[in-house]
Amino acid sequence: MATSITIRGRQYTVRSDDDGEDLQQVAKYVDSKMAEVARSSFDEYTVALIAALNIASEYDRFRREVAGRLDDLDREAAAVGAILEAALPEGEEQA
């Protein structure tokens, strides 16, 4: 699917398997990050580079947070499984 997006006042046509509306939201996010960085009077290449690094840093923090939460859920599920197994009468098999 081809979707038209605008970043830093320039229009781009992007082909993607993703939903066009999702791509528009991502483009708006990237544009806002670049505008944030551009307030510091950098050239466009530096603005793009710093914005990309900031976005990558946010993504990495989010990825680590989600991984930590998934680890917590795995531990909780294992604990619940052990409690359930202990609660079953001896000799009964689980389905």
PDB file of N, CA and C in Angstrom:
ATOM      1  N   MET A   1       0.832  -1.157   0.000  1.00  0.00           N
ATOM      2  CA  MET A   1       0.000   0.000   0.000  1.00  0.00           C
ATOM      3  C   MET A   1       0.890   1.237   0.000  1.00  0.00           C
ATOM      4  N   ALA A   2       0.573   2.210  -0.816  1.00  0.00           N
ATOM      5  CA  ALA A   2       1.317   3.467  -0.874  1.00  0.00           C
ATOM      6  C   ALA A   2       0.620   4.492   0.015  1.00  0.00           C
ATOM      7  N   THR A   3       1.403   5.161   0.844  1.00  0.00           N
ATOM      8  CA  THR A   3       0.872   6.166   1.760  1.00  0.00           C
ATOM      9  C   THR A   3       1.711   7.418   1.652  1.00  0.00           C
ATOM     10  N   SER A   4       1.062   8.559   1.638  1.00  0.00           N
ATOM     11  CA  SER A   4       1.764   9.834   1.594  1.00  0.00           C
ATOM     12  C   SER A   4       1.954  10.336   3.024  1.00  0.00           C
ATOM     13  N   ILE A   5       3.202  10.674   3.366  1.00  0.00           N
ATOM     14  CA  ILE A   5       3.504  11.203   4.699  1.00  0.00           C
ATOM     15  C   ILE A   5       4.269  12.508   4.535  1.00  0.00           C
ATOM     16  N   THR A   6       4.273  13.309   5.589  1.00  0.00           N
ATOM     17  CA  THR A   6       5.013  14.574   5.576  1.00  0.00           C
ATOM     18  C   THR A   6       5.928  14.616   6.786  1.00  0.00           C
ATOM     19  N   ILE A   7       7.202  14.855   6.517  1.00  0.00           N
ATOM     20  CA  ILE A   7       8.195  15.003   7.583  1.00  0.00           C
ATOM     21  C   ILE A   7       9.032  16.233   7.256  1.00  0.00           C
ATOM     22  N   ARG A   8       9.091  17.150   8.236  1.00  0.00           N
ATOM     23  CA  ARG A   8       9.860  18.405   8.089  1.00  0.00           C
ATOM     24  C   ARG A   8       9.422  19.174   6.846  1.00  0.00           C
ATOM     25  N   GLY A   9       8.115  19.159   6.564  1.00  0.00           N
ATOM     26  CA  GLY A   9       7.558  19.918   5.454  1.00  0.00           C
ATOM     27  C   GLY A   9       7.720  19.282   4.087  1.00  0.00           C
ATOM     28  N   ARG A  10       8.326  18.135   4.018  1.00  0.00           N
ATOM     29  CA  ARG A  10       8.512  17.442   2.741  1.00  0.00           C
ATOM     30  C   ARG A  10       7.579  16.238   2.677  1.00  0.00           C
ATOM     31  N   GLN A  11       6.954  16.072   1.514  1.00  0.00           N
ATOM     32  CA  GLN A  11       6.061  14.927   1.334  1.00  0.00           C
ATOM     33  C   GLN A  11       6.822  13.760   0.743  1.00  0.00           C
ATOM     34  N   TYR A  12       6.491  12.572   1.257  1.00  0.00           N
ATOM     35  CA  TYR A  12       7.084  11.334   0.783  1.00  0.00           C
ATOM     36  C   TYR A  12       5.962  10.338   0.531  1.00  0.00           C
ATOM     37  N   THR A  13       6.122   9.546  -0.501  1.00  0.00           N
ATOM     38  CA  THR A  13       5.211   8.439  -0.723  1.00  0.00           C
ATOM     39  C   THR A  13       5.956   7.180  -0.315  1.00  0.00           C
ATOM     40  N   VAL A  14       5.369   6.475   0.645  1.00  0.00           N
ATOM     41  CA  VAL A  14       6.020   5.305   1.224  1.00  0.00           C
ATOM     42  C   VAL A  14       5.162   4.086   0.940  1.00  0.00           C
ATOM     43  N   ARG A  15       5.775   3.025   0.483  1.00  0.00           N
ATOM     44  CA  ARG A  15       5.062   1.767   0.267  1.00  0.00           C
ATOM     45  C   ARG A  15       5.338   0.866   1.469  1.00  0.00           C
ATOM     46  N   SER A  16       4.246   0.303   1.998  1.00  0.00           N
ATOM     47  CA  SER A  16       4.385  -0.517   3.188  1.00  0.00           C
ATOM     48  C   SER A  16       3.229  -1.499   3.283  1.00  0.00           C
ATOM     49  N   ASP A  17       3.472  -2.602   3.986  1.00  0.00           N
ATOM     50  CA  ASP A  17       2.404  -3.556   4.272  1.00  0.00           C
ATOM     51  C   ASP A  17       1.574  -3.088   5.468  1.00  0.00           C
ATOM     52  N   ASP A  18       2.099  -2.102   6.211  1.00  0.00           N
ATOM     53  CA  ASP A  18       1.400  -1.584   7.382  1.00  0.00           C
ATOM     54  C   ASP A  18       0.211  -0.736   6.967  1.00  0.00           C
ATOM     55  N   ASP A  19      -0.705  -0.560   7.905  1.00  0.00           N
ATOM     56  CA  ASP A  19      -1.866   0.288   7.723  1.00  0.00           C
ATOM     57  C   ASP A  19      -1.401   1.730   7.486  1.00  0.00           C
ATOM     58  N   GLY A  20      -2.003   2.405   6.525  1.00  0.00           N
ATOM     59  CA  GLY A  20      -1.635   3.781   6.208  1.00  0.00           C
ATOM     60  C   GLY A  20      -1.800   4.721   7.383  1.00  0.00           C
ATOM     61  N   GLU A  21      -2.838   4.510   8.186  1.00  0.00           N
ATOM     62  CA  GLU A  21      -3.079   5.368   9.347  1.00  0.00           C
ATOM     63  C   GLU A  21      -1.964   5.192  10.379  1.00  0.00           C
ATOM     64  N   ASP A  22      -1.525   3.954  10.589  1.00  0.00           N
ATOM     65  CA  ASP A  22      -0.418   3.704  11.517  1.00  0.00           C
ATOM     66  C   ASP A  22       0.845   4.404  11.033  1.00  0.00           C
ATOM     67  N   LEU A  23       1.105   4.311   9.745  1.00  0.00           N
ATOM     68  CA  LEU A  23       2.283   4.946   9.168  1.00  0.00           C
ATOM     69  C   LEU A  23       2.216   6.466   9.311  1.00  0.00           C
ATOM     70  N   GLN A  24       1.031   7.037   9.177  1.00  0.00           N
ATOM     71  CA  GLN A  24       0.843   8.474   9.367  1.00  0.00           C
ATOM     72  C   GLN A  24       1.198   8.862  10.804  1.00  0.00           C
ATOM     73  N   GLN A  25       0.767   8.063  11.771  1.00  0.00           N
ATOM     74  CA  GLN A  25       1.059   8.344  13.174  1.00  0.00           C
ATOM     75  C   GLN A  25       2.564   8.258  13.446  1.00  0.00           C
ATOM     76  N   VAL A  26       3.213   7.273  12.867  1.00  0.00           N
ATOM     77  CA  VAL A  26       4.664   7.134  13.034  1.00  0.00           C
ATOM     78  C   VAL A  26       5.372   8.338  12.414  1.00  0.00           C
ATOM     79  N   ALA A  27       4.936   8.747  11.234  1.00  0.00           N
ATOM     80  CA  ALA A  27       5.544   9.905  10.563  1.00  0.00           C
ATOM     81  C   ALA A  27       5.367  11.163  11.398  1.00  0.00           C
ATOM     82  N   LYS A  28       4.193  11.346  12.001  1.00  0.00           N
ATOM     83  CA  LYS A  28       3.962  12.513  12.863  1.00  0.00           C
ATOM     84  C   LYS A  28       4.891  12.475  14.070  1.00  0.00           C
ATOM     85  N   TYR A  29       5.100  11.287  14.621  1.00  0.00           N
ATOM     86  CA  TYR A  29       5.987  11.135  15.768  1.00  0.00           C
ATOM     87  C   TYR A  29       7.425  11.492  15.386  1.00  0.00           C
ATOM     88  N   VAL A  30       7.882  10.962  14.257  1.00  0.00           N
ATOM     89  CA  VAL A  30       9.239  11.258  13.777  1.00  0.00           C
ATOM     90  C   VAL A  30       9.367  12.757  13.507  1.00  0.00           C
ATOM     91  N   ASP A  31       8.357  13.353  12.872  1.00  0.00           N
ATOM     92  CA  ASP A  31       8.377  14.782  12.577  1.00  0.00           C
ATOM     93  C   ASP A  31       8.468  15.601  13.865  1.00  0.00           C
ATOM     94  N   SER A  32       7.705  15.205  14.884  1.00  0.00           N
ATOM     95  CA  SER A  32       7.748  15.959  16.149  1.00  0.00           C
ATOM     96  C   SER A  32       9.107  15.826  16.830  1.00  0.00           C
ATOM     97  N   LYS A  33       9.697  14.630  16.764  1.00  0.00           N
ATOM     98  CA  LYS A  33      11.029  14.436  17.353  1.00  0.00           C
ATOM     99  C   LYS A  33      12.075  15.280  16.618  1.00  0.00           C
ATOM    100  N   MET A  34      11.957  15.325  15.297  1.00  0.00           N
ATOM    101  CA  MET A  34      12.910  16.111  14.518  1.00  0.00           C
ATOM    102  C   MET A  34      12.718  17.603  14.788  1.00  0.00           C
ATOM    103  N   ALA A  35      11.478  18.050  14.942  1.00  0.00           N
ATOM    104  CA  ALA A  35      11.211  19.458  15.253  1.00  0.00           C
ATOM    105  C   ALA A  35      11.790  19.817  16.618  1.00  0.00           C
ATOM    106  N   GLU A  36      11.681  18.894  17.558  1.00  0.00           N
ATOM    107  CA  GLU A  36      12.232  19.090  18.898  1.00  0.00           C
ATOM    108  C   GLU A  36      13.740  19.309  18.830  1.00  0.00           C
ATOM    109  N   VAL A  37      14.418  18.469  18.058  1.00  0.00           N
ATOM    110  CA  VAL A  37      15.872  18.566  17.921  1.00  0.00           C
ATOM    111  C   VAL A  37      16.261  19.812  17.123  1.00  0.00           C
ATOM    112  N   ALA A  38      15.456  20.174  16.133  1.00  0.00           N
ATOM    113  CA  ALA A  38      15.776  21.292  15.243  1.00  0.00           C
ATOM    114  C   ALA A  38      15.799  22.621  15.980  1.00  0.00           C
ATOM    115  N   ARG A  39      15.156  22.706  17.129  1.00  0.00           N
ATOM    116  CA  ARG A  39      15.174  23.953  17.910  1.00  0.00           C
ATOM    117  C   ARG A  39      16.593  24.337  18.325  1.00  0.00           C
ATOM    118  N   SER A  40      17.506  23.384  18.264  1.00  0.00           N
ATOM    119  CA  SER A  40      18.895  23.644  18.658  1.00  0.00           C
ATOM    120  C   SER A  40      19.754  24.114  17.494  1.00  0.00           C
ATOM    121  N   SER A  41      19.155  24.455  16.369  1.00  0.00           N
ATOM    122  CA  SER A  41      19.846  25.033  15.203  1.00  0.00           C
ATOM    123  C   SER A  41      20.878  24.111  14.566  1.00  0.00           C
ATOM    124  N   PHE A  42      20.556  22.838  14.447  1.00  0.00           N
ATOM    125  CA  PHE A  42      21.433  21.916  13.737  1.00  0.00           C
ATOM    126  C   PHE A  42      21.037  21.867  12.267  1.00  0.00           C
ATOM    127  N   ASP A  43      21.965  21.395  11.423  1.00  0.00           N
ATOM    128  CA  ASP A  43      21.619  21.166  10.022  1.00  0.00           C
ATOM    129  C   ASP A  43      20.691  19.950   9.946  1.00  0.00           C
ATOM    130  N   GLU A  44      20.009  19.785   8.814  1.00  0.00           N
ATOM    131  CA  GLU A  44      18.987  18.732   8.684  1.00  0.00           C
ATOM    132  C   GLU A  44      19.546  17.323   8.902  1.00  0.00           C
ATOM    133  N   TYR A  45      20.757  17.069   8.444  1.00  0.00           N
ATOM    134  CA  TYR A  45      21.352  15.745   8.634  1.00  0.00           C
ATOM    135  C   TYR A  45      21.532  15.460  10.126  1.00  0.00           C
ATOM    136  N   THR A  46      22.060  16.428  10.855  1.00  0.00           N
ATOM    137  CA  THR A  46      22.281  16.256  12.288  1.00  0.00           C
ATOM    138  C   THR A  46      20.955  16.124  13.026  1.00  0.00           C
ATOM    139  N   VAL A  47      19.943  16.911  12.603  1.00  0.00           N
ATOM    140  CA  VAL A  47      18.607  16.794  13.198  1.00  0.00           C
ATOM    141  C   VAL A  47      18.093  15.369  13.032  1.00  0.00           C
ATOM    142  N   ALA A  48      18.205  14.834  11.816  1.00  0.00           N
ATOM    143  CA  ALA A  48      17.727  13.473  11.547  1.00  0.00           C
ATOM    144  C   ALA A  48      18.503  12.447  12.371  1.00  0.00           C
ATOM    145  N   LEU A  49      19.804  12.612  12.451  1.00  0.00           N
ATOM    146  CA  LEU A  49      20.640  11.676  13.194  1.00  0.00           C
ATOM    147  C   LEU A  49      20.318  11.699  14.684  1.00  0.00           C
ATOM    148  N   ILE A  50      20.233  12.881  15.273  1.00  0.00           N
ATOM    149  CA  ILE A  50      19.947  12.980  16.704  1.00  0.00           C
ATOM    150  C   ILE A  50      18.537  12.481  17.007  1.00  0.00           C
ATOM    151  N   ALA A  51      17.571  12.825  16.151  1.00  0.00           N
ATOM    152  CA  ALA A  51      16.200  12.332  16.346  1.00  0.00           C
ATOM    153  C   ALA A  51      16.171  10.808  16.273  1.00  0.00           C
ATOM    154  N   ALA A  52      16.890  10.226  15.321  1.00  0.00           N
ATOM    155  CA  ALA A  52      16.938   8.766  15.195  1.00  0.00           C
ATOM    156  C   ALA A  52      17.560   8.133  16.447  1.00  0.00           C
ATOM    157  N   LEU A  53      18.614   8.736  16.961  1.00  0.00           N
ATOM    158  CA  LEU A  53      19.234   8.216  18.179  1.00  0.00           C
ATOM    159  C   LEU A  53      18.285   8.321  19.370  1.00  0.00           C
ATOM    160  N   ASN A  54      17.565   9.439  19.481  1.00  0.00           N
ATOM    161  CA  ASN A  54      16.604   9.597  20.571  1.00  0.00           C
ATOM    162  C   ASN A  54      15.487   8.569  20.480  1.00  0.00           C
ATOM    163  N   ILE A  55      14.966   8.354  19.282  1.00  0.00           N
ATOM    164  CA  ILE A  55      13.892   7.372  19.084  1.00  0.00           C
ATOM    165  C   ILE A  55      14.404   5.966  19.383  1.00  0.00           C
ATOM    166  N   ALA A  56      15.609   5.655  18.918  1.00  0.00           N
ATOM    167  CA  ALA A  56      16.188   4.334  19.181  1.00  0.00           C
ATOM    168  C   ALA A  56      16.398   4.126  20.683  1.00  0.00           C
ATOM    169  N   SER A  57      16.808   5.172  21.391  1.00  0.00           N
ATOM    170  CA  SER A  57      17.003   5.081  22.835  1.00  0.00           C
ATOM    171  C   SER A  57      15.668   4.834  23.538  1.00  0.00           C
ATOM    172  N   GLU A  58      14.616   5.554  23.126  1.00  0.00           N
ATOM    173  CA  GLU A  58      13.285   5.333  23.694  1.00  0.00           C
ATOM    174  C   GLU A  58      12.833   3.898  23.448  1.00  0.00           C
ATOM    175  N   TYR A  59      13.039   3.430  22.228  1.00  0.00           N
ATOM    176  CA  TYR A  59      12.649   2.057  21.878  1.00  0.00           C
ATOM    177  C   TYR A  59      13.396   1.051  22.747  1.00  0.00           C
ATOM    178  N   ASP A  60      14.688   1.254  22.926  1.00  0.00           N
ATOM    179  CA  ASP A  60      15.487   0.308  23.703  1.00  0.00           C
ATOM    180  C   ASP A  60      15.029   0.280  25.159  1.00  0.00           C
ATOM    181  N   ARG A  61      14.750   1.461  25.751  1.00  0.00           N
ATOM    182  CA  ARG A  61      14.231   1.501  27.124  1.00  0.00           C
ATOM    183  C   ARG A  61      12.900   0.758  27.216  1.00  0.00           C
ATOM    184  N   PHE A  62      12.020   0.996  26.247  1.00  0.00           N
ATOM    185  CA  PHE A  62      10.719   0.338  26.226  1.00  0.00           C
ATOM    186  C   PHE A  62      10.891  -1.174  26.078  1.00  0.00           C
ATOM    187  N   ARG A  63      11.783  -1.596  25.184  1.00  0.00           N
ATOM    188  CA  ARG A  63      12.013  -3.028  24.956  1.00  0.00           C
ATOM    189  C   ARG A  63      12.517  -3.705  26.231  1.00  0.00           C
ATOM    190  N   ARG A  64      13.445  -3.046  26.931  1.00  0.00           N
ATOM    191  CA  ARG A  64      13.968  -3.610  28.170  1.00  0.00           C
ATOM    192  C   ARG A  64      12.896  -3.660  29.259  1.00  0.00           C
ATOM    193  N   GLU A  65      12.055  -2.629  29.324  1.00  0.00           N
ATOM    194  CA  GLU A  65      10.969  -2.605  30.308  1.00  0.00           C
ATOM    195  C   GLU A  65       9.973  -3.737  30.044  1.00  0.00           C
ATOM    196  N   VAL A  66       9.615  -3.923  28.777  1.00  0.00           N
ATOM    197  CA  VAL A  66       8.675  -4.991  28.425  1.00  0.00           C
ATOM    198  C   VAL A  66       9.294  -6.354  28.716  1.00  0.00           C
ATOM    199  N   ALA A  67      10.567  -6.523  28.390  1.00  0.00           N
ATOM    200  CA  ALA A  67      11.244  -7.804  28.665  1.00  0.00           C
ATOM    201  C   ALA A  67      11.239  -8.089  30.161  1.00  0.00           C
ATOM    202  N   GLY A  68      11.484  -7.069  30.969  1.00  0.00           N
ATOM    203  CA  GLY A  68      11.455  -7.243  32.420  1.00  0.00           C
ATOM    204  C   GLY A  68      10.076  -7.636  32.919  1.00  0.00           C
ATOM    205  N   ARG A  69       9.056  -6.988  32.370  1.00  0.00           N
ATOM    206  CA  ARG A  69       7.687  -7.323  32.774  1.00  0.00           C
ATOM    207  C   ARG A  69       7.321  -8.744  32.343  1.00  0.00           C
ATOM    208  N   LEU A  70       7.765  -9.146  31.158  1.00  0.00           N
ATOM    209  CA  LEU A  70       7.498 -10.516  30.698  1.00  0.00           C
ATOM    210  C   LEU A  70       8.191 -11.532  31.598  1.00  0.00           C
ATOM    211  N   ASP A  71       9.417 -11.220  32.025  1.00  0.00           N
ATOM    212  CA  ASP A  71      10.123 -12.104  32.958  1.00  0.00           C
ATOM    213  C   ASP A  71       9.341 -12.228  34.262  1.00  0.00           C
ATOM    214  N   ASP A  72       8.815 -11.087  34.756  1.00  0.00           N
ATOM    215  CA  ASP A  72       8.009 -11.115  35.982  1.00  0.00           C
ATOM    216  C   ASP A  72       6.774 -11.990  35.796  1.00  0.00           C
ATOM    217  N   LEU A  73       6.104 -11.847  34.644  1.00  0.00           N
ATOM    218  CA  LEU A  73       4.912 -12.652  34.371  1.00  0.00           C
ATOM    219  C   LEU A  73       5.251 -14.138  34.294  1.00  0.00           C
ATOM    220  N   ASP A  74       6.394 -14.461  33.675  1.00  0.00           N
ATOM    221  CA  ASP A  74       6.828 -15.861  33.607  1.00  0.00           C
ATOM    222  C   ASP A  74       7.035 -16.431  35.002  1.00  0.00           C
ATOM    223  N   ARG A  75       7.675 -15.657  35.894  1.00  0.00           N
ATOM    224  CA  ARG A  75       7.907 -16.125  37.267  1.00  0.00           C
ATOM    225  C   ARG A  75       6.581 -16.303  38.001  1.00  0.00           C
ATOM    226  N   GLU A  76       5.662 -15.345  37.820  1.00  0.00           N
ATOM    227  CA  GLU A  76       4.354 -15.448  38.474  1.00  0.00           C
ATOM    228  C   GLU A  76       3.568 -16.651  37.950  1.00  0.00           C
ATOM    229  N   ALA A  77       3.622 -16.889  36.646  1.00  0.00           N
ATOM    230  CA  ALA A  77       2.922 -18.040  36.064  1.00  0.00           C
ATOM    231  C   ALA A  77       3.503 -19.346  36.589  1.00  0.00           C
ATOM    232  N   ALA A  78       4.818 -19.404  36.716  1.00  0.00           N
ATOM    233  CA  ALA A  78       5.459 -20.609  37.254  1.00  0.00           C
ATOM    234  C   ALA A  78       5.048 -20.824  38.705  1.00  0.00           C
ATOM    235  N   ALA A  79       4.963 -19.736  39.472  1.00  0.00           N
ATOM    236  CA  ALA A  79       4.558 -19.854  40.879  1.00  0.00           C
ATOM    237  C   ALA A  79       3.112 -20.341  40.979  1.00  0.00           C
ATOM    238  N   VAL A  80       2.232 -19.789  40.141  1.00  0.00           N
ATOM    239  CA  VAL A  80       0.832 -20.216  40.149  1.00  0.00           C
ATOM    240  C   VAL A  80       0.742 -21.680  39.730  1.00  0.00           C
ATOM    241  N   GLY A  81       1.523 -22.067  38.739  1.00  0.00           N
ATOM    242  CA  GLY A  81       1.541 -23.467  38.303  1.00  0.00           C
ATOM    243  C   GLY A  81       1.976 -24.393  39.420  1.00  0.00           C
ATOM    244  N   ALA A  82       2.994 -23.979  40.174  1.00  0.00           N
ATOM    245  CA  ALA A  82       3.473 -24.805  41.289  1.00  0.00           C
ATOM    246  C   ALA A  82       2.418 -24.910  42.383  1.00  0.00           C
ATOM    247  N   ILE A  83       1.718 -23.806  42.647  1.00  0.00           N
ATOM    248  CA  ILE A  83       0.656 -23.825  43.669  1.00  0.00           C
ATOM    249  C   ILE A  83      -0.475 -24.749  43.228  1.00  0.00           C
ATOM    250  N   LEU A  84      -0.873 -24.656  41.970  1.00  0.00           N
ATOM    251  CA  LEU A  84      -1.937 -25.516  41.459  1.00  0.00           C
ATOM    252  C   LEU A  84      -1.534 -26.981  41.492  1.00  0.00           C
ATOM    253  N   GLU A  85      -0.302 -27.238  41.102  1.00  0.00           N
ATOM    254  CA  GLU A  85       0.186 -28.619  41.104  1.00  0.00           C
ATOM    255  C   GLU A  85       0.209 -29.173  42.523  1.00  0.00           C
ATOM    256  N   ALA A  86       0.611 -28.351  43.481  1.00  0.00           N
ATOM    257  CA  ALA A  86       0.667 -28.791  44.878  1.00  0.00           C
ATOM    258  C   ALA A  86      -0.737 -29.008  45.433  1.00  0.00           C
ATOM    259  N   ALA A  87      -1.724 -28.285  44.883  1.00  0.00           N
ATOM    260  CA  ALA A  87      -3.096 -28.399  45.388  1.00  0.00           C
ATOM    261  C   ALA A  87      -3.812 -29.637  44.861  1.00  0.00           C
ATOM    262  N   LEU A  88      -3.302 -30.219  43.775  1.00  0.00           N
ATOM    263  CA  LEU A  88      -3.940 -31.424  43.208  1.00  0.00           C
ATOM    264  C   LEU A  88      -3.678 -32.619  44.134  1.00  0.00           C
ATOM    265  N   PRO A  89      -4.687 -33.430  44.309  1.00  0.00           N
ATOM    266  CA  PRO A  89      -4.461 -34.645  45.112  1.00  0.00           C
ATOM    267  C   PRO A  89      -3.406 -35.517  44.447  1.00  0.00           C
ATOM    268  N   GLU A  90      -2.662 -36.237  45.256  1.00  0.00           N
ATOM    269  CA  GLU A  90      -1.607 -37.109  44.717  1.00  0.00           C
ATOM    270  C   GLU A  90      -2.196 -38.130  43.776  1.00  0.00           C
ATOM    271  N   GLY A  91      -1.493 -38.402  42.720  1.00  0.00           N
ATOM    272  CA  GLY A  91      -1.908 -39.413  41.768  1.00  0.00           C
ATOM    273  C   GLY A  91      -2.799 -38.874  40.667  1.00  0.00           C
ATOM    274  N   GLU A  92      -3.354 -37.673  40.815  1.00  0.00           N
ATOM    275  CA  GLU A  92      -4.186 -37.108  39.733  1.00  0.00           C
ATOM    276  C   GLU A  92      -3.280 -36.497  38.704  1.00  0.00           C
ATOM    277  N   GLU A  93      -3.601 -36.763  37.463  1.00  0.00           N
ATOM    278  CA  GLU A  93      -2.797 -36.217  36.378  1.00  0.00           C
ATOM    279  C   GLU A  93      -3.457 -34.955  35.855  1.00  0.00           C
ATOM    280  N   GLN A  94      -2.630 -34.063  35.370  1.00  0.00           N
ATOM    281  CA  GLN A  94      -3.157 -32.831  34.780  1.00  0.00           C
ATOM    282  C   GLN A  94      -3.610 -33.106  33.367  1.00  0.00           C
ATOM    283  N   ALA A  95      -4.609 -32.384  32.925  1.00  0.00           N
ATOM    284  CA  ALA A  95      -5.118 -32.552  31.569  1.00  0.00           C
ATOM    285  C   ALA A  95      -4.231 -31.875  30.579  1.00  0.00           C
TER     286      ALA A  95
END
